[in-house]
């Protein structure tokens, strides 16, 4: 189940189908990433984060390909995406707070909470709150910033080039997060005007 799946898609036969099971597995991995960062197993955290984030498309593809789209999946998939990002970022603030400022993480989490609320409002009225390309780029930049931060923890903050790259990626992630949030707000306003 993917954010770009139309709201009126055909349901699959059962709630706990393959896509929803994959989303639940990704949710467990996302929580594990947070614990691994806290326990200072940075390499393991990075590998599991990459697996959890990069397999995001699998559940959506499977749901569309085999007609297993469910209401649970339409909620679960974007929820898991947000947990993957926020669990890693919150843990990183504790691990290298000076390189991953709390205010940046607050902006990112605030945007995710806002969009989740807007999605619930729009889709609760039967509207379509599909993912937009800016949202997909936002997710990519957030993941890149998290991987770069984990590499910084692995190789040390004395690696100047890596420290600079991490700072740049964090800023790009925050800017794209704000821009994407604004894009969704504009979309909701337009949908309300049409209604």
Protein backbone atom coordinates (compact mmCIF):
# COMPACT_ATOMS: atom_id res chain seq x y z
CA UNK A 1 0.00 0.00 0.00
CA UNK A 2 1.40 3.09 -1.28
CA UNK A 3 0.48 6.71 -0.67
CA UNK A 4 -0.18 7.12 -4.40
CA UNK A 5 -2.83 4.40 -4.48
CA UNK A 6 -6.25 5.93 -5.25
CA UNK A 7 -8.67 6.14 -2.36
CA UNK A 8 -11.33 4.11 -4.17
CA UNK A 9 -9.03 1.16 -4.92
CA UNK A 10 -10.36 -2.36 -4.72
CA UNK A 11 -9.80 -4.08 -1.40
CA UNK A 12 -7.85 -7.27 -1.04
CA UNK A 13 -9.49 -10.36 0.41
CA UNK A 14 -7.88 -10.25 3.84
CA UNK A 15 -6.40 -7.61 6.12
CA UNK A 16 -3.21 -9.57 6.88
CA UNK A 17 -2.11 -10.09 3.31
CA UNK A 18 1.47 -9.91 2.03
CA UNK A 19 1.67 -6.08 1.71
CA UNK A 20 0.34 -5.46 5.23
CA UNK A 21 2.65 -8.13 6.63
CA UNK A 22 5.59 -6.44 4.90
CA UNK A 23 4.56 -3.10 6.40
CA UNK A 24 4.43 -4.65 9.88
CA UNK A 25 7.89 -6.18 9.35
CA UNK A 26 9.18 -2.74 8.31
CA UNK A 27 7.62 -1.24 11.44
CA UNK A 28 9.50 -3.71 13.65
CA UNK A 29 12.74 -2.93 11.79
CA UNK A 30 12.12 0.82 12.23
CA UNK A 31 11.78 0.47 16.00
CA UNK A 32 14.86 -1.77 16.06
CA UNK A 33 16.88 0.93 14.28
CA UNK A 34 16.11 3.35 17.12
CA UNK A 35 17.27 0.86 19.73
CA UNK A 36 20.44 -0.02 17.79
CA UNK A 37 21.43 3.64 17.53
CA UNK A 38 20.84 4.10 21.25
CA UNK A 39 22.93 0.99 21.98
CA UNK A 40 25.67 2.34 19.67
CA UNK A 41 25.45 -0.47 17.09
CA UNK A 42 25.70 2.08 14.32
CA UNK A 43 26.68 -0.22 11.45
CA UNK A 44 23.82 -2.65 12.17
CA UNK A 45 21.43 0.30 12.53
CA UNK A 46 22.51 1.66 9.14
CA UNK A 47 22.06 -1.69 7.35
CA UNK A 48 18.63 -2.31 8.89
CA UNK A 49 17.56 1.28 8.17
CA UNK A 50 18.57 0.92 4.51
CA UNK A 51 16.65 -2.37 4.24
CA UNK A 52 13.53 -0.93 5.91
CA UNK A 53 13.57 2.28 3.86
CA UNK A 54 14.50 0.78 0.50
CA UNK A 55 11.82 -1.92 0.60
CA UNK A 56 9.09 0.71 0.96
CA UNK A 57 8.04 0.28 -2.68
CA UNK A 58 7.63 -3.52 -2.37
CA UNK A 59 4.40 -3.54 -0.36
CA UNK A 60 2.82 -0.91 -2.62
CA UNK A 61 3.83 -2.73 -5.78
CA UNK A 62 2.54 -6.05 -4.43
CA UNK A 63 -0.77 -4.53 -3.34
CA UNK A 64 -1.41 -2.99 -6.77
CA UNK A 65 -0.10 -5.97 -8.73
CA UNK A 66 -2.20 -8.57 -6.91
CA UNK A 67 -5.21 -6.47 -5.93
CA UNK A 68 -4.48 -6.59 -2.20
CA UNK A 69 -5.14 -2.95 -1.34
CA UNK A 70 -6.87 -2.54 2.04
CA UNK A 71 -7.94 0.41 4.18
CA UNK A 72 -5.50 -0.78 6.86
CA UNK A 73 -2.68 -0.78 4.33
CA UNK A 74 -3.47 2.75 3.17
CA UNK A 75 -3.00 3.89 6.77
CA UNK A 76 -0.21 1.50 7.77
CA UNK A 77 2.22 2.17 4.91
CA UNK A 78 2.59 5.97 5.34
CA UNK A 79 2.54 5.50 9.13
CA UNK A 80 5.48 3.06 8.92
CA UNK A 81 7.35 5.46 6.62
CA UNK A 82 7.04 8.16 9.26
CA UNK A 83 8.14 5.85 12.08
CA UNK A 84 11.20 4.77 10.08
CA UNK A 85 12.29 8.41 9.75
CA UNK A 86 11.31 9.72 13.18
CA UNK A 87 12.69 6.75 15.17
CA UNK A 88 16.08 7.15 13.50
CA UNK A 89 16.15 10.95 13.82
CA UNK A 90 15.15 11.02 17.49
CA UNK A 91 17.80 8.42 18.29
CA UNK A 92 20.38 10.41 16.31
CA UNK A 93 19.63 13.57 18.33
CA UNK A 94 20.64 11.61 21.41
CA UNK A 95 23.73 10.17 19.74
CA UNK A 96 25.12 13.27 17.96
CA UNK A 97 22.86 16.13 18.96
CA UNK A 98 25.26 18.81 17.79
CA UNK A 99 25.22 17.41 14.25
CA UNK A 100 21.49 16.56 14.19
CA UNK A 101 19.86 19.57 15.88
CA UNK A 102 16.65 18.93 17.78
CA UNK A 103 14.89 21.82 16.03
CA UNK A 104 15.41 20.16 12.65
CA UNK A 105 13.92 16.92 13.93
CA UNK A 106 11.01 18.86 15.43
CA UNK A 107 10.28 20.48 12.06
CA UNK A 108 10.33 17.11 10.31
CA UNK A 109 8.12 15.40 12.90
CA UNK A 110 5.74 18.38 12.93
CA UNK A 111 5.33 18.17 9.17
CA UNK A 112 4.62 14.43 9.37
CA UNK A 113 1.97 14.96 12.05
CA UNK A 114 0.34 17.71 10.00
CA UNK A 115 0.22 15.63 6.82
CA UNK A 116 -1.11 12.60 8.70
CA UNK A 117 -3.95 14.76 10.06
CA UNK A 118 -4.70 16.22 6.63
CA UNK A 119 -4.68 12.75 5.05
CA UNK A 120 -7.16 11.48 7.64
CA UNK A 121 -9.41 14.47 7.00
CA UNK A 122 -9.35 14.20 3.20
CA UNK A 123 -9.63 10.44 2.92
CA UNK A 124 -12.26 10.36 5.68
CA UNK A 125 -14.43 12.37 3.28
CA UNK A 126 -13.65 9.97 0.43
CA UNK A 127 -11.05 12.23 -1.18
CA UNK A 128 -7.76 11.25 -2.79
CA UNK A 129 -4.63 12.19 -0.85
CA UNK A 130 -2.08 10.55 -3.12
CA UNK A 131 1.63 11.05 -2.67
CA UNK A 132 3.18 13.84 -4.70
CA UNK A 133 6.64 13.85 -6.24
CA UNK A 134 7.90 16.46 -3.80
CA UNK A 135 6.92 14.11 -0.97
CA UNK A 136 8.89 11.28 -2.56
CA UNK A 137 11.98 13.49 -2.91
CA UNK A 138 11.55 14.58 0.71
CA UNK A 139 11.66 10.95 1.83
CA UNK A 140 14.80 10.35 -0.25
CA UNK A 141 16.63 13.34 1.25
CA UNK A 142 15.60 12.37 4.78
CA UNK A 143 16.94 8.84 4.25
CA UNK A 144 20.18 10.18 2.78
CA UNK A 145 20.65 12.50 5.77
CA UNK A 146 20.08 9.64 8.21
CA UNK A 147 22.55 7.32 6.43
CA UNK A 148 25.12 10.12 6.32
CA UNK A 149 24.62 10.76 10.06
CA UNK A 150 25.13 7.07 10.82
CA UNK A 151 28.31 7.06 8.72
CA UNK A 152 29.47 10.07 10.72
CA UNK A 153 28.93 8.10 13.92
CA UNK A 154 30.84 5.15 12.45
CA UNK A 155 33.85 7.10 11.20
CA UNK A 156 33.93 9.94 13.70
CA UNK A 157 33.08 13.61 13.59
CA UNK A 158 36.70 14.38 12.72
CA UNK A 159 35.92 13.41 9.10
CA UNK A 160 35.45 16.96 7.83
CA UNK A 161 34.03 16.05 4.42
CA UNK A 162 31.50 13.68 5.98
CA UNK A 163 30.51 16.25 8.58
CA UNK A 164 29.93 18.86 5.86
CA UNK A 165 27.99 16.38 3.71
CA UNK A 166 25.79 15.45 6.66
CA UNK A 167 25.04 19.09 7.45
CA UNK A 168 24.14 19.80 3.82
CA UNK A 169 21.90 16.73 3.58
CA UNK A 170 20.13 17.64 6.82
CA UNK A 171 19.41 21.13 5.54
CA UNK A 172 18.17 19.78 2.20
CA UNK A 173 15.98 17.29 4.08
CA UNK A 174 14.47 20.04 6.24
CA UNK A 175 13.89 22.39 3.28
CA UNK A 176 12.29 19.65 1.17
CA UNK A 177 10.19 18.59 4.17
CA UNK A 178 8.82 22.11 4.63
CA UNK A 179 8.27 22.54 0.88
CA UNK A 180 6.47 19.21 0.64
CA UNK A 181 4.29 20.06 3.63
CA UNK A 182 3.34 23.39 2.04
CA UNK A 183 2.56 21.58 -1.23
CA UNK A 184 0.14 19.24 0.56
CA UNK A 185 -1.53 22.12 2.42
CA UNK A 186 -2.13 23.91 -0.89
CA UNK A 187 -3.61 20.69 -2.29
CA UNK A 188 -6.02 20.38 0.66
CA UNK A 189 -7.10 24.01 0.28
CA UNK A 190 -7.80 23.39 -3.43
CA UNK A 191 -9.78 20.24 -2.63
CA UNK A 192 -11.87 22.16 -0.09
CA UNK A 193 -12.60 24.89 -2.66
CA UNK A 194 -13.69 22.27 -5.19
CA UNK A 195 -15.96 20.67 -2.58
